[in-house]
Amino acid sequence: MSTEQGPVTSPDELGATPPERSDDRPDSAEPRQVPEADDRTAELADLRDRWHRALADLDNLRKRHARELERERGAERARTAAAWLPVLDNLELALAHAGSDSSPVLEGVKAVRDQAVDVLTRLGYPRDDRTGVPFDPAEHEVVGVVEAEGAEPNTVVEVVRPGYGAGESQLRPASVVVAKRQE
């Protein structure tokens, strides 16, 4: 700790008015700014500018992170839903092989299949097993072409494997049999 003390100001000097200045400037002129004050003003303006830029960068980062997080959530939801499609397909096969049997076990399997379809629909991947609609290569995958009496050409006459999702959020297209053009 330093024991030096600066000059001591007497109480009489504290209340005294400052001595008159004898410079050549008129009374109405602007006071001169000290170059140090100009430097500090410029530095303050620079710091404010940098602070506003940092806030804008932080806001942009937050928005970009939110978009990326939403995109990743959607991708993970799609991966999980797609992993369940083979299970759902096997439930469909079990029901198809059961035929017209109405045992309680079969009714349970139907309930599980319906529940799985409902979960996929709520996740944004509705089931597409419509027949009689025009063939759309964005929604359907042709696995066969047949002559169908009374069916318009290029319409879906049978769904072999249902599709799930629509538009850009499609898990898989429906595998369908299409009516061919009659010659």
Protein backbone atom coordinates (compact mmCIF):
# COMPACT_ATOMS: atom_id res chain seq x y z
CA MET A 1 0.00 0.00 0.00
CA SER A 2 1.34 3.41 -0.90
CA THR A 3 1.84 6.05 1.78
CA GLU A 4 2.23 8.90 -0.69
CA GLN A 5 -0.47 11.53 -0.73
CA GLY A 6 -1.28 14.01 -3.42
CA PRO A 7 -1.44 17.79 -2.90
CA VAL A 8 -3.88 18.79 -0.25
CA THR A 9 -6.54 21.36 -1.16
CA SER A 10 -7.54 23.70 1.58
CA PRO A 11 -11.24 24.25 2.35
CA ASP A 12 -10.91 27.90 1.27
CA GLU A 13 -9.78 26.86 -2.19
CA LEU A 14 -12.71 24.49 -2.66
CA GLY A 15 -15.32 27.23 -2.48
CA ALA A 16 -13.35 29.70 -4.56
CA THR A 17 -14.36 30.54 -8.09
CA PRO A 18 -11.97 29.55 -10.81
CA PRO A 19 -9.63 32.25 -12.01
CA GLU A 20 -10.60 34.18 -15.12
CA ARG A 21 -9.17 32.88 -18.33
CA SER A 22 -7.35 35.29 -20.51
CA ASP A 23 -7.62 33.56 -23.86
CA ASP A 24 -8.72 35.32 -27.01
CA ARG A 25 -12.01 33.58 -27.67
CA PRO A 26 -15.33 35.41 -27.49
CA ASP A 27 -17.94 34.53 -24.85
CA SER A 28 -20.48 33.15 -27.36
CA ALA A 29 -18.07 30.70 -29.02
CA GLU A 30 -18.43 26.94 -28.63
CA PRO A 31 -16.21 25.43 -25.98
CA ARG A 32 -13.30 23.53 -27.42
CA GLN A 33 -13.49 19.78 -27.09
CA VAL A 34 -10.52 17.97 -25.83
CA PRO A 35 -9.14 15.43 -28.33
CA GLU A 36 -9.37 12.78 -25.63
CA ALA A 37 -13.16 13.32 -25.43
CA ASP A 38 -13.45 12.88 -29.20
CA ASP A 39 -11.56 9.59 -28.93
CA ARG A 40 -13.84 8.39 -26.15
CA THR A 41 -16.97 9.38 -28.09
CA ALA A 42 -15.72 7.49 -31.14
CA GLU A 43 -14.81 4.50 -28.99
CA LEU A 44 -18.24 4.56 -27.36
CA ALA A 45 -19.93 4.69 -30.78
CA ASP A 46 -17.78 1.77 -31.93
CA LEU A 47 -18.64 -0.25 -28.82
CA ARG A 48 -22.36 0.44 -29.31
CA ASP A 49 -22.12 -0.64 -32.95
CA ARG A 50 -20.31 -3.84 -32.00
CA TRP A 51 -22.85 -4.52 -29.26
CA HIS A 52 -25.78 -4.13 -31.72
CA ARG A 53 -24.04 -6.40 -34.20
CA ALA A 54 -23.45 -9.01 -31.51
CA LEU A 55 -27.12 -8.88 -30.54
CA ALA A 56 -28.17 -9.28 -34.18
CA ASP A 57 -25.75 -12.19 -34.62
CA LEU A 58 -27.10 -13.84 -31.49
CA ASP A 59 -30.67 -13.44 -32.71
CA ASN A 60 -29.78 -14.90 -36.12
CA LEU A 61 -27.99 -17.80 -34.44
CA ARG A 62 -31.02 -18.48 -32.26
CA LYS A 63 -33.35 -18.51 -35.29
CA ARG A 64 -31.02 -20.74 -37.31
CA HIS A 65 -30.69 -23.15 -34.40
CA ALA A 66 -34.48 -23.33 -34.04
CA ARG A 67 -34.84 -24.13 -37.78
CA GLU A 68 -32.13 -26.79 -37.62
CA LEU A 69 -33.65 -28.31 -34.51
CA GLU A 70 -37.08 -28.52 -36.16
CA ARG A 71 -35.55 -30.08 -39.28
CA GLU A 72 -33.69 -32.67 -37.18
CA ARG A 73 -36.84 -33.47 -35.21
CA GLY A 74 -38.70 -34.08 -38.47
CA ALA A 75 -35.92 -36.26 -39.82
CA GLU A 76 -35.81 -38.32 -36.62
CA ARG A 77 -39.60 -38.66 -36.61
CA ALA A 78 -39.41 -39.93 -40.23
CA ARG A 79 -36.62 -42.42 -39.40
CA THR A 80 -38.56 -43.80 -36.45
CA ALA A 81 -41.82 -44.04 -38.38
CA ALA A 82 -40.06 -45.74 -41.31
CA ALA A 83 -38.55 -48.29 -38.93
CA TRP A 84 -42.06 -49.30 -37.87
CA LEU A 85 -43.36 -49.83 -41.43
CA PRO A 86 -42.11 -53.45 -41.69
CA VAL A 87 -43.90 -54.26 -38.42
CA LEU A 88 -47.09 -52.77 -39.79
CA ASP A 89 -46.63 -54.68 -43.06
CA ASN A 90 -46.27 -57.94 -41.12
CA LEU A 91 -49.48 -57.20 -39.23
CA GLU A 92 -51.18 -56.65 -42.61
CA LEU A 93 -49.83 -59.98 -43.89
CA ALA A 94 -51.04 -61.78 -40.77
CA LEU A 95 -54.51 -60.33 -41.28
CA ALA A 96 -54.49 -61.23 -44.98
CA HIS A 97 -53.57 -64.86 -44.22
CA ALA A 98 -56.24 -65.14 -41.56
CA GLY A 99 -58.96 -64.69 -44.14
CA SER A 100 -62.46 -64.40 -42.74
CA ASP A 101 -61.63 -65.95 -39.36
CA SER A 102 -63.05 -63.86 -36.51
CA SER A 103 -61.14 -65.20 -33.54
CA PRO A 104 -60.39 -62.91 -30.58
CA VAL A 105 -56.67 -63.07 -31.42
CA LEU A 106 -57.36 -61.84 -34.93
CA GLU A 107 -59.51 -59.01 -33.58
CA GLY A 108 -56.60 -58.06 -31.32
CA VAL A 109 -54.19 -58.02 -34.25
CA LYS A 110 -56.63 -55.77 -36.17
CA ALA A 111 -56.80 -53.42 -33.18
CA VAL A 112 -53.00 -53.26 -32.97
CA ARG A 113 -52.76 -52.57 -36.72
CA ASP A 114 -55.39 -49.81 -36.48
CA GLN A 115 -53.55 -48.28 -33.52
CA ALA A 116 -50.27 -48.31 -35.46
CA VAL A 117 -51.93 -46.65 -38.47
CA ASP A 118 -53.42 -44.02 -36.16
CA VAL A 119 -50.01 -43.29 -34.60
CA LEU A 120 -48.45 -42.82 -38.04
CA THR A 121 -51.30 -40.50 -39.02
CA ARG A 122 -50.80 -38.38 -35.91
CA LEU A 123 -47.06 -38.21 -36.67
CA GLY A 124 -47.93 -36.71 -40.07
CA TYR A 125 -47.80 -39.82 -42.25
CA PRO A 126 -51.38 -40.70 -43.21
CA ARG A 127 -52.08 -44.04 -44.85
CA ASP A 128 -52.72 -44.05 -48.61
CA ASP A 129 -54.61 -47.15 -49.75
CA ARG A 130 -57.14 -45.58 -52.11
CA THR A 131 -58.29 -47.33 -55.26
CA GLY A 132 -60.04 -45.78 -58.24
CA VAL A 133 -57.83 -42.69 -58.16
CA PRO A 134 -55.65 -41.61 -61.09
CA PHE A 135 -52.10 -42.91 -61.01
CA ASP A 136 -49.65 -40.31 -59.67
CA PRO A 137 -45.95 -41.23 -59.85
CA ALA A 138 -45.25 -39.00 -56.83
CA GLU A 139 -47.65 -41.05 -54.67
CA HIS A 140 -47.67 -44.48 -56.30
CA GLU A 141 -45.22 -47.16 -57.34
CA VAL A 142 -46.54 -49.44 -60.07
CA VAL A 143 -45.97 -53.13 -59.40
CA GLY A 144 -48.38 -54.39 -62.03
CA VAL A 145 -50.59 -53.43 -64.95
CA VAL A 146 -53.82 -55.26 -65.68
CA GLU A 147 -56.76 -55.00 -68.01
CA ALA A 148 -59.68 -53.98 -65.85
CA GLU A 149 -63.23 -53.93 -67.16
CA GLY A 150 -64.98 -50.68 -66.33
CA ALA A 151 -61.85 -48.97 -65.00
CA GLU A 152 -60.43 -45.85 -66.56
CA PRO A 153 -56.92 -46.23 -67.99
CA ASN A 154 -54.10 -45.25 -65.61
CA THR A 155 -56.23 -45.59 -62.50
CA VAL A 156 -55.31 -47.55 -59.41
CA VAL A 157 -57.32 -50.79 -59.31
CA GLU A 158 -55.52 -52.54 -56.42
CA VAL A 159 -53.21 -51.50 -53.60
CA VAL A 160 -50.60 -54.19 -52.93
CA ARG A 161 -48.82 -52.28 -50.17
CA PRO A 162 -50.21 -49.02 -48.73
CA GLY A 163 -48.15 -45.86 -48.79
CA TYR A 164 -47.64 -43.52 -45.88
CA GLY A 165 -47.26 -39.77 -45.92
CA ALA A 166 -47.92 -37.19 -48.60
CA GLY A 167 -45.95 -34.62 -50.51
CA GLU A 168 -42.49 -33.95 -49.12
CA SER A 169 -43.19 -35.88 -45.93
CA GLN A 170 -43.75 -39.21 -47.65
CA LEU A 171 -42.27 -42.29 -46.00
CA ARG A 172 -42.97 -44.54 -48.97
CA PRO A 173 -45.25 -44.52 -51.98
CA ALA A 174 -48.12 -46.96 -52.29
CA SER A 175 -47.36 -50.06 -54.35
CA VAL A 176 -50.26 -50.35 -56.77
CA VAL A 177 -51.67 -52.21 -59.73
CA VAL A 178 -52.83 -49.88 -62.49
CA ALA A 179 -55.40 -50.38 -65.24
CA LYS A 180 -53.76 -50.33 -68.63
CA ARG A 181 -54.99 -48.51 -71.68
CA GLN A 182 -57.38 -50.51 -73.72
CA GLU A 183 -56.44 -50.82 -77.35
